[in-house]
N, C-alpha and C. Protein backbone atom coordinates (compact mmCIF):
# COMPACT_ATOMS: atom_id res chain seq x y z
N MET A 1 -7.67 10.63 1.86
CA MET A 1 -8.63 10.08 0.89
C MET A 1 -9.27 8.86 1.48
N PRO A 2 -10.44 9.02 2.08
CA PRO A 2 -11.14 7.87 2.66
C PRO A 2 -11.62 6.88 1.61
N ALA A 3 -11.82 5.69 2.01
CA ALA A 3 -12.28 4.66 1.06
C ALA A 3 -13.70 5.00 0.57
N SER A 4 -13.91 4.69 -0.68
CA SER A 4 -15.27 4.85 -1.22
C SER A 4 -15.91 3.50 -1.16
N GLY A 5 -17.16 3.44 -1.47
CA GLY A 5 -17.85 2.17 -1.53
C GLY A 5 -17.68 1.47 -2.86
N ALA A 6 -16.88 2.06 -3.75
CA ALA A 6 -16.74 1.54 -5.09
C ALA A 6 -16.00 0.20 -5.12
N VAL A 7 -16.58 -0.76 -5.82
CA VAL A 7 -15.94 -2.03 -6.05
C VAL A 7 -15.63 -2.05 -7.54
N ASN A 8 -14.45 -2.32 -7.93
CA ASN A 8 -14.16 -2.34 -9.38
C ASN A 8 -13.78 -3.71 -9.80
N SER A 9 -13.43 -3.85 -11.07
CA SER A 9 -13.19 -5.17 -11.69
C SER A 9 -11.82 -5.72 -11.28
N TYR A 10 -11.08 -5.02 -10.45
CA TYR A 10 -9.77 -5.54 -10.01
C TYR A 10 -9.96 -6.91 -9.38
N TRP A 11 -11.01 -7.11 -8.63
CA TRP A 11 -11.20 -8.40 -7.96
C TRP A 11 -11.97 -9.37 -8.83
N LYS A 12 -12.65 -8.93 -9.83
CA LYS A 12 -13.46 -9.85 -10.69
C LYS A 12 -13.22 -9.50 -12.15
N ARG A 13 -12.05 -9.77 -12.61
CA ARG A 13 -11.70 -9.45 -14.04
C ARG A 13 -12.15 -10.57 -14.95
N PRO A 14 -12.83 -10.25 -16.00
CA PRO A 14 -13.14 -11.28 -17.00
C PRO A 14 -11.88 -11.60 -17.83
N PRO A 15 -11.84 -12.77 -18.46
CA PRO A 15 -10.69 -13.11 -19.28
C PRO A 15 -10.50 -12.07 -20.40
N GLY A 16 -9.30 -11.90 -20.83
CA GLY A 16 -8.99 -10.92 -21.86
C GLY A 16 -7.87 -10.02 -21.43
N GLU A 17 -7.56 -9.07 -22.28
CA GLU A 17 -6.43 -8.18 -21.98
C GLU A 17 -6.72 -7.38 -20.68
N ILE A 18 -5.66 -7.21 -19.91
CA ILE A 18 -5.80 -6.44 -18.65
C ILE A 18 -6.16 -5.00 -18.99
N VAL A 19 -7.16 -4.48 -18.28
CA VAL A 19 -7.57 -3.10 -18.43
C VAL A 19 -6.79 -2.33 -17.35
N ARG A 20 -5.70 -1.74 -17.73
CA ARG A 20 -4.81 -1.10 -16.74
C ARG A 20 -5.50 -0.03 -15.94
N ALA A 21 -6.40 0.73 -16.51
CA ALA A 21 -7.10 1.78 -15.79
C ALA A 21 -8.01 1.29 -14.69
N GLU A 22 -8.34 -0.03 -14.74
CA GLU A 22 -9.22 -0.61 -13.71
C GLU A 22 -8.46 -1.31 -12.62
N LEU A 23 -7.17 -1.36 -12.67
CA LEU A 23 -6.38 -1.96 -11.64
C LEU A 23 -6.44 -1.12 -10.36
N TYR A 24 -6.29 -1.77 -9.24
CA TYR A 24 -6.45 -1.13 -7.92
C TYR A 24 -5.69 0.16 -7.80
N ASP A 25 -4.40 0.15 -7.99
CA ASP A 25 -3.59 1.36 -7.83
C ASP A 25 -3.90 2.42 -8.87
N ALA A 26 -4.23 1.99 -10.08
CA ALA A 26 -4.64 2.94 -11.13
C ALA A 26 -5.87 3.71 -10.75
N ARG A 27 -6.87 3.04 -10.13
CA ARG A 27 -8.11 3.69 -9.71
C ARG A 27 -7.78 4.76 -8.65
N ILE A 28 -6.87 4.41 -7.76
CA ILE A 28 -6.53 5.37 -6.67
C ILE A 28 -5.81 6.58 -7.29
N VAL A 29 -4.80 6.33 -8.09
CA VAL A 29 -4.00 7.40 -8.65
C VAL A 29 -4.76 8.24 -9.65
N ASN A 30 -5.44 7.61 -10.59
CA ASN A 30 -6.11 8.33 -11.69
C ASN A 30 -7.47 8.90 -11.33
N ASP A 31 -8.25 8.11 -10.55
CA ASP A 31 -9.62 8.53 -10.26
C ASP A 31 -9.84 8.99 -8.85
N ARG A 32 -8.81 8.85 -8.00
CA ARG A 32 -8.91 9.23 -6.59
C ARG A 32 -10.04 8.47 -5.90
N VAL A 33 -10.13 7.17 -6.22
CA VAL A 33 -11.12 6.27 -5.65
C VAL A 33 -10.34 5.11 -5.01
N VAL A 34 -10.62 4.84 -3.75
CA VAL A 34 -10.02 3.66 -3.10
C VAL A 34 -11.05 2.55 -3.14
N PRO A 35 -10.84 1.57 -4.01
CA PRO A 35 -11.83 0.50 -4.13
C PRO A 35 -11.93 -0.31 -2.80
N THR A 36 -13.14 -0.56 -2.38
CA THR A 36 -13.39 -1.31 -1.17
C THR A 36 -14.43 -2.38 -1.42
N ARG A 37 -14.38 -3.44 -0.65
CA ARG A 37 -15.32 -4.51 -0.73
C ARG A 37 -16.24 -4.42 0.52
N PRO A 38 -17.52 -4.69 0.36
CA PRO A 38 -18.42 -4.64 1.48
C PRO A 38 -18.03 -5.67 2.58
N ARG A 39 -18.14 -5.22 3.83
CA ARG A 39 -17.95 -6.09 4.98
C ARG A 39 -16.59 -6.78 5.01
N MET A 40 -15.56 -6.05 4.55
CA MET A 40 -14.20 -6.60 4.57
C MET A 40 -13.36 -5.79 5.58
N TRP A 41 -12.96 -6.48 6.64
CA TRP A 41 -12.07 -5.82 7.66
C TRP A 41 -10.86 -5.24 7.01
N HIS A 42 -10.24 -5.97 6.11
CA HIS A 42 -9.02 -5.49 5.50
C HIS A 42 -9.19 -4.15 4.83
N ASP A 43 -10.25 -3.97 4.08
CA ASP A 43 -10.50 -2.70 3.42
C ASP A 43 -10.89 -1.59 4.38
N PHE A 44 -11.68 -1.98 5.43
CA PHE A 44 -12.10 -0.99 6.40
C PHE A 44 -10.84 -0.44 7.15
N LEU A 45 -9.98 -1.35 7.61
CA LEU A 45 -8.78 -0.92 8.32
C LEU A 45 -7.85 -0.14 7.41
N ASN A 46 -7.79 -0.45 6.14
CA ASN A 46 -7.01 0.31 5.18
C ASN A 46 -7.57 1.77 5.12
N SER A 47 -8.89 1.91 5.16
CA SER A 47 -9.46 3.24 5.09
C SER A 47 -9.05 4.08 6.33
N LEU A 48 -8.92 3.43 7.47
CA LEU A 48 -8.48 4.17 8.66
C LEU A 48 -7.00 4.65 8.52
N VAL A 49 -6.19 3.87 7.89
CA VAL A 49 -4.81 4.30 7.63
C VAL A 49 -4.83 5.48 6.65
N TRP A 50 -5.69 5.39 5.66
CA TRP A 50 -5.85 6.49 4.67
C TRP A 50 -6.20 7.80 5.45
N LEU A 51 -7.10 7.69 6.39
CA LEU A 51 -7.54 8.87 7.15
C LEU A 51 -6.40 9.48 7.95
N THR A 52 -5.50 8.62 8.45
CA THR A 52 -4.42 9.06 9.31
C THR A 52 -3.20 9.56 8.49
N PHE A 53 -2.94 8.86 7.37
CA PHE A 53 -1.74 9.15 6.58
C PHE A 53 -2.08 9.36 5.11
N PRO A 54 -2.94 10.34 4.76
CA PRO A 54 -3.40 10.49 3.39
C PRO A 54 -2.29 10.77 2.39
N LYS A 55 -1.35 11.58 2.71
CA LYS A 55 -0.26 11.94 1.77
C LYS A 55 0.64 10.71 1.50
N ALA A 56 1.01 9.99 2.59
CA ALA A 56 1.85 8.82 2.40
C ALA A 56 1.15 7.70 1.69
N LYS A 57 -0.16 7.49 1.97
CA LYS A 57 -0.87 6.43 1.27
C LYS A 57 -0.94 6.77 -0.23
N LEU A 58 -1.24 8.01 -0.57
CA LEU A 58 -1.32 8.39 -2.00
C LEU A 58 0.07 8.19 -2.64
N ALA A 59 1.12 8.63 -1.97
CA ALA A 59 2.47 8.45 -2.53
C ALA A 59 2.82 6.97 -2.73
N LEU A 60 2.40 6.15 -1.77
CA LEU A 60 2.62 4.71 -1.88
C LEU A 60 1.93 4.14 -3.11
N HIS A 61 0.70 4.53 -3.31
CA HIS A 61 -0.04 3.98 -4.46
C HIS A 61 0.41 4.59 -5.81
N ARG A 62 0.88 5.80 -5.80
CA ARG A 62 1.51 6.34 -7.00
C ARG A 62 2.72 5.47 -7.37
N ARG A 63 3.51 5.18 -6.39
CA ARG A 63 4.73 4.39 -6.61
C ARG A 63 4.35 2.96 -7.04
N GLN A 64 3.38 2.39 -6.37
CA GLN A 64 2.94 1.03 -6.77
C GLN A 64 2.37 1.01 -8.19
N HIS A 65 1.62 2.03 -8.51
CA HIS A 65 1.04 2.15 -9.85
C HIS A 65 2.16 2.23 -10.92
N ALA A 66 3.15 3.04 -10.66
CA ALA A 66 4.29 3.17 -11.61
C ALA A 66 5.00 1.84 -11.76
N ALA A 67 5.21 1.15 -10.63
CA ALA A 67 5.88 -0.15 -10.66
C ALA A 67 5.08 -1.18 -11.40
N ILE A 68 3.81 -1.19 -11.25
CA ILE A 68 2.93 -2.13 -11.95
C ILE A 68 2.92 -1.82 -13.46
N GLU A 69 2.87 -0.58 -13.79
CA GLU A 69 2.93 -0.17 -15.21
C GLU A 69 4.20 -0.69 -15.90
N ARG A 70 5.31 -0.61 -15.22
CA ARG A 70 6.58 -1.16 -15.75
C ARG A 70 6.59 -2.66 -15.79
N TRP A 71 5.88 -3.30 -14.93
CA TRP A 71 5.93 -4.75 -14.73
C TRP A 71 5.06 -5.52 -15.69
N ILE A 72 3.91 -4.97 -16.05
CA ILE A 72 2.95 -5.72 -16.90
C ILE A 72 3.37 -5.52 -18.37
N PRO A 73 3.61 -6.62 -19.07
CA PRO A 73 3.94 -6.48 -20.47
C PRO A 73 2.77 -6.01 -21.31
N PRO A 74 3.04 -5.30 -22.41
CA PRO A 74 1.92 -4.87 -23.29
C PRO A 74 1.10 -6.08 -23.76
N GLY A 75 -0.22 -5.87 -23.77
CA GLY A 75 -1.12 -6.98 -24.25
C GLY A 75 -1.32 -8.10 -23.25
N ALA A 76 -0.82 -7.98 -22.07
CA ALA A 76 -0.94 -9.07 -21.09
C ALA A 76 -2.38 -9.38 -20.76
N THR A 77 -2.71 -10.67 -20.58
CA THR A 77 -4.06 -11.07 -20.21
C THR A 77 -4.13 -11.44 -18.74
N GLN A 78 -2.97 -11.53 -18.10
CA GLN A 78 -2.96 -11.79 -16.65
C GLN A 78 -1.72 -11.13 -16.05
N LEU A 79 -1.79 -10.93 -14.75
CA LEU A 79 -0.62 -10.32 -14.08
C LEU A 79 0.50 -11.36 -14.02
N PRO A 80 1.75 -10.93 -14.10
CA PRO A 80 2.84 -11.85 -13.95
C PRO A 80 2.79 -12.60 -12.61
N ASN A 81 3.39 -13.76 -12.52
CA ASN A 81 3.29 -14.58 -11.32
C ASN A 81 4.10 -14.03 -10.10
N ALA A 82 5.15 -13.33 -10.33
CA ALA A 82 6.01 -12.89 -9.27
C ALA A 82 6.17 -11.36 -9.35
N ARG A 83 6.13 -10.73 -8.13
CA ARG A 83 6.36 -9.30 -8.08
C ARG A 83 7.86 -8.99 -8.19
N THR A 84 8.13 -7.76 -8.51
CA THR A 84 9.52 -7.30 -8.53
C THR A 84 9.95 -7.07 -7.06
N ARG A 85 11.25 -6.89 -6.84
CA ARG A 85 11.76 -6.59 -5.49
C ARG A 85 11.21 -5.26 -4.98
N GLU A 86 11.06 -4.28 -5.86
CA GLU A 86 10.48 -3.02 -5.47
C GLU A 86 9.05 -3.22 -5.03
N GLN A 87 8.27 -4.00 -5.78
CA GLN A 87 6.89 -4.25 -5.38
C GLN A 87 6.77 -4.95 -4.04
N ASP A 88 7.74 -5.88 -3.79
CA ASP A 88 7.74 -6.59 -2.52
C ASP A 88 7.97 -5.57 -1.38
N ALA A 89 8.95 -4.63 -1.54
CA ALA A 89 9.20 -3.65 -0.52
C ALA A 89 8.01 -2.76 -0.28
N LEU A 90 7.39 -2.32 -1.36
CA LEU A 90 6.20 -1.42 -1.22
C LEU A 90 5.06 -2.15 -0.55
N ALA A 91 4.88 -3.44 -0.89
CA ALA A 91 3.80 -4.22 -0.28
C ALA A 91 4.07 -4.40 1.21
N LEU A 92 5.30 -4.59 1.60
CA LEU A 92 5.62 -4.75 3.03
C LEU A 92 5.28 -3.41 3.80
N ILE A 93 5.52 -2.28 3.19
CA ILE A 93 5.16 -1.05 3.82
C ILE A 93 3.63 -0.91 3.90
N ASP A 94 2.97 -1.19 2.81
CA ASP A 94 1.51 -1.05 2.75
C ASP A 94 0.82 -1.99 3.72
N GLU A 95 1.24 -3.24 3.77
CA GLU A 95 0.55 -4.22 4.59
C GLU A 95 1.12 -4.34 5.99
N GLY A 96 2.46 -4.21 6.12
CA GLY A 96 3.08 -4.42 7.42
C GLY A 96 4.00 -3.33 7.87
N GLY A 97 3.79 -2.09 7.39
CA GLY A 97 4.64 -1.00 7.76
C GLY A 97 4.44 -0.54 9.19
N VAL A 98 5.57 -0.37 9.90
CA VAL A 98 5.56 0.18 11.26
C VAL A 98 6.38 1.44 11.22
N LEU A 99 5.78 2.55 11.67
CA LEU A 99 6.48 3.79 11.69
C LEU A 99 7.02 4.11 13.09
N LEU A 100 8.25 4.46 13.13
CA LEU A 100 8.87 4.81 14.40
C LEU A 100 8.99 6.32 14.40
N VAL A 101 8.07 6.99 15.11
CA VAL A 101 7.93 8.42 15.06
C VAL A 101 8.25 8.98 16.48
N GLU A 102 9.39 9.62 16.60
CA GLU A 102 9.80 10.26 17.85
C GLU A 102 9.57 9.33 19.06
N GLY A 103 10.10 8.12 18.97
CA GLY A 103 10.00 7.20 20.09
C GLY A 103 8.71 6.47 20.21
N ARG A 104 7.75 6.76 19.33
CA ARG A 104 6.47 6.06 19.35
C ARG A 104 6.41 5.11 18.16
N THR A 105 5.73 4.00 18.37
CA THR A 105 5.56 3.02 17.32
C THR A 105 4.12 3.16 16.81
N MET A 106 3.95 3.37 15.51
CA MET A 106 2.64 3.49 14.90
C MET A 106 2.49 2.52 13.73
N PHE A 107 1.35 1.91 13.63
CA PHE A 107 1.10 1.01 12.52
C PHE A 107 0.73 1.84 11.31
N PHE A 108 1.33 1.53 10.17
CA PHE A 108 0.95 2.05 8.86
C PHE A 108 0.32 0.91 8.08
N GLY A 109 0.79 -0.30 8.26
CA GLY A 109 0.31 -1.45 7.51
C GLY A 109 -1.04 -1.93 8.02
N HIS A 110 -2.00 -1.84 7.14
CA HIS A 110 -3.35 -2.23 7.57
C HIS A 110 -3.52 -3.71 7.86
N ALA A 111 -2.66 -4.57 7.32
CA ALA A 111 -2.76 -5.99 7.61
C ALA A 111 -2.33 -6.25 9.06
N LEU A 112 -1.49 -5.37 9.62
CA LEU A 112 -1.17 -5.53 11.03
C LEU A 112 -2.38 -5.33 11.91
N TYR A 113 -3.19 -4.30 11.61
CA TYR A 113 -4.40 -4.05 12.32
C TYR A 113 -5.36 -5.26 12.19
N GLU A 114 -5.40 -5.81 10.95
CA GLU A 114 -6.30 -6.94 10.73
C GLU A 114 -5.83 -8.12 11.56
N GLY A 115 -4.54 -8.31 11.65
CA GLY A 115 -4.00 -9.36 12.52
C GLY A 115 -4.43 -9.20 13.95
N LEU A 116 -4.44 -7.98 14.47
CA LEU A 116 -4.92 -7.74 15.83
C LEU A 116 -6.42 -8.04 15.97
N VAL A 117 -7.19 -7.64 14.98
CA VAL A 117 -8.65 -7.92 15.03
C VAL A 117 -8.92 -9.41 15.10
N PHE A 118 -8.19 -10.21 14.34
CA PHE A 118 -8.41 -11.66 14.25
C PHE A 118 -7.51 -12.46 15.12
N GLY A 119 -6.68 -11.81 15.98
CA GLY A 119 -5.82 -12.53 16.88
C GLY A 119 -4.68 -13.22 16.20
N GLN A 120 -4.22 -12.77 15.05
CA GLN A 120 -3.13 -13.35 14.34
C GLN A 120 -1.85 -12.48 14.60
N LEU A 121 -1.21 -12.72 15.72
CA LEU A 121 -0.14 -11.84 16.16
C LEU A 121 1.20 -12.15 15.54
N ALA A 122 1.37 -13.23 14.82
CA ALA A 122 2.64 -13.59 14.20
C ALA A 122 2.72 -12.95 12.80
N MET A 123 2.81 -11.64 12.79
CA MET A 123 2.80 -10.91 11.51
C MET A 123 4.24 -10.42 11.22
N ILE A 124 4.53 -10.30 9.96
CA ILE A 124 5.83 -9.70 9.54
C ILE A 124 5.61 -8.19 9.40
N SER A 125 6.51 -7.43 9.96
CA SER A 125 6.41 -5.98 9.81
C SER A 125 7.79 -5.46 9.46
N ARG A 126 7.82 -4.30 8.84
CA ARG A 126 9.07 -3.61 8.52
C ARG A 126 8.94 -2.16 8.96
N GLY A 127 10.02 -1.64 9.51
CA GLY A 127 9.98 -0.33 10.09
C GLY A 127 10.62 0.79 9.23
N VAL A 128 10.04 1.95 9.45
CA VAL A 128 10.56 3.20 8.80
C VAL A 128 10.63 4.23 9.93
N ALA A 129 11.86 4.80 10.15
CA ALA A 129 12.03 5.80 11.17
C ALA A 129 11.70 7.16 10.62
N LEU A 130 10.87 7.96 11.35
CA LEU A 130 10.48 9.26 10.90
C LEU A 130 10.53 10.20 12.13
N SER A 131 10.25 11.46 11.88
CA SER A 131 10.30 12.43 12.98
C SER A 131 9.06 13.26 12.99
N GLY A 132 8.87 13.97 14.10
CA GLY A 132 7.80 14.98 14.21
C GLY A 132 6.45 14.43 14.63
N THR A 133 5.42 15.19 14.35
CA THR A 133 4.06 14.80 14.62
C THR A 133 3.55 13.78 13.63
N VAL A 134 2.37 13.29 13.82
CA VAL A 134 1.75 12.36 12.84
C VAL A 134 1.65 13.05 11.48
N ALA A 135 1.18 14.29 11.46
CA ALA A 135 1.08 15.01 10.19
C ALA A 135 2.43 15.18 9.53
N GLU A 136 3.43 15.51 10.30
CA GLU A 136 4.81 15.66 9.71
C GLU A 136 5.34 14.33 9.26
N ALA A 137 5.05 13.24 9.97
CA ALA A 137 5.46 11.92 9.54
C ALA A 137 4.81 11.54 8.24
N ASP A 138 3.54 11.93 8.09
CA ASP A 138 2.82 11.66 6.82
C ASP A 138 3.52 12.30 5.68
N VAL A 139 3.89 13.56 5.81
CA VAL A 139 4.63 14.29 4.76
C VAL A 139 5.99 13.64 4.55
N GLU A 140 6.69 13.34 5.58
CA GLU A 140 8.05 12.77 5.47
C GLU A 140 8.02 11.38 4.77
N LEU A 141 7.07 10.54 5.14
CA LEU A 141 6.98 9.22 4.52
C LEU A 141 6.56 9.38 3.03
N ALA A 142 5.69 10.32 2.77
CA ALA A 142 5.29 10.59 1.35
C ALA A 142 6.52 10.96 0.53
N ALA A 143 7.37 11.81 1.07
CA ALA A 143 8.61 12.21 0.35
C ALA A 143 9.53 11.03 0.14
N LEU A 144 9.65 10.20 1.11
CA LEU A 144 10.53 8.98 0.99
C LEU A 144 9.96 8.08 -0.12
N LEU A 145 8.65 7.88 -0.10
CA LEU A 145 8.02 7.04 -1.11
C LEU A 145 8.13 7.63 -2.52
N ASP A 146 8.12 8.98 -2.59
CA ASP A 146 8.23 9.62 -3.92
C ASP A 146 9.64 9.53 -4.49
N ASP A 147 10.63 9.20 -3.64
CA ASP A 147 12.01 9.03 -4.06
C ASP A 147 12.20 7.62 -4.67
N ALA A 148 12.30 7.55 -5.98
CA ALA A 148 12.35 6.26 -6.69
C ALA A 148 13.60 5.45 -6.33
N ALA A 149 14.59 6.07 -5.73
CA ALA A 149 15.80 5.36 -5.33
C ALA A 149 15.63 4.65 -4.00
N ARG A 150 14.58 4.96 -3.24
CA ARG A 150 14.30 4.35 -2.00
C ARG A 150 13.38 3.14 -2.12
N PHE A 151 13.45 2.23 -1.19
CA PHE A 151 12.54 1.07 -1.10
C PHE A 151 12.56 0.24 -2.40
N GLN A 152 13.73 -0.04 -2.86
CA GLN A 152 13.88 -0.86 -4.08
C GLN A 152 13.87 -2.37 -3.77
N SER A 153 14.05 -2.72 -2.46
CA SER A 153 14.00 -4.14 -2.07
C SER A 153 13.61 -4.22 -0.59
N PRO A 154 13.04 -5.35 -0.15
CA PRO A 154 12.70 -5.50 1.26
C PRO A 154 13.88 -5.39 2.22
N GLU A 155 15.06 -5.70 1.73
CA GLU A 155 16.27 -5.66 2.58
C GLU A 155 16.56 -4.25 3.12
N GLU A 156 16.03 -3.19 2.44
CA GLU A 156 16.20 -1.83 2.92
C GLU A 156 15.40 -1.53 4.15
N LEU A 157 14.44 -2.34 4.46
CA LEU A 157 13.51 -2.11 5.60
C LEU A 157 13.85 -3.04 6.76
N PRO A 158 14.20 -2.49 7.92
CA PRO A 158 14.49 -3.37 9.03
C PRO A 158 13.25 -4.10 9.51
N ARG A 159 13.45 -5.34 9.96
CA ARG A 159 12.34 -6.14 10.49
C ARG A 159 11.97 -5.67 11.87
N ARG A 160 10.68 -5.65 12.14
CA ARG A 160 10.16 -5.34 13.48
C ARG A 160 9.20 -6.48 13.86
N THR A 161 9.37 -7.03 15.11
CA THR A 161 8.49 -8.07 15.50
C THR A 161 7.79 -7.66 16.84
């Protein structure tokens, strides 16, 4: 699912009750739209990861969407100040995930690519060991992300530097 040019109110929400359907992960899961901002390296690099790992990225955002739905209280006018441990683990995969695929190291986290673009090499990454080709790793990571018992805290993910 490549990024669209759609920009939604996720980044510019007016005061008032949160419109859950307009949140970033909700747009991806419900509308199959990946919100992007013009001229943003972060979003562009995310779209490249989407092109390489479409099944895993969709599974990640389904999982994040479900976690956010559980996290936001009814009638909330702003997001809570702190993420859950599960959200922290999922964010580490999304932003700093490193896939160890048959002896090869592949970036899944788009913030890692952004760090390379801007010369910020002191990035935190977390690894997930997978097997097979890139396409098989995409399916395998999607299955791991669909397992609600996995990735409940950052401690489950080994650090990679």
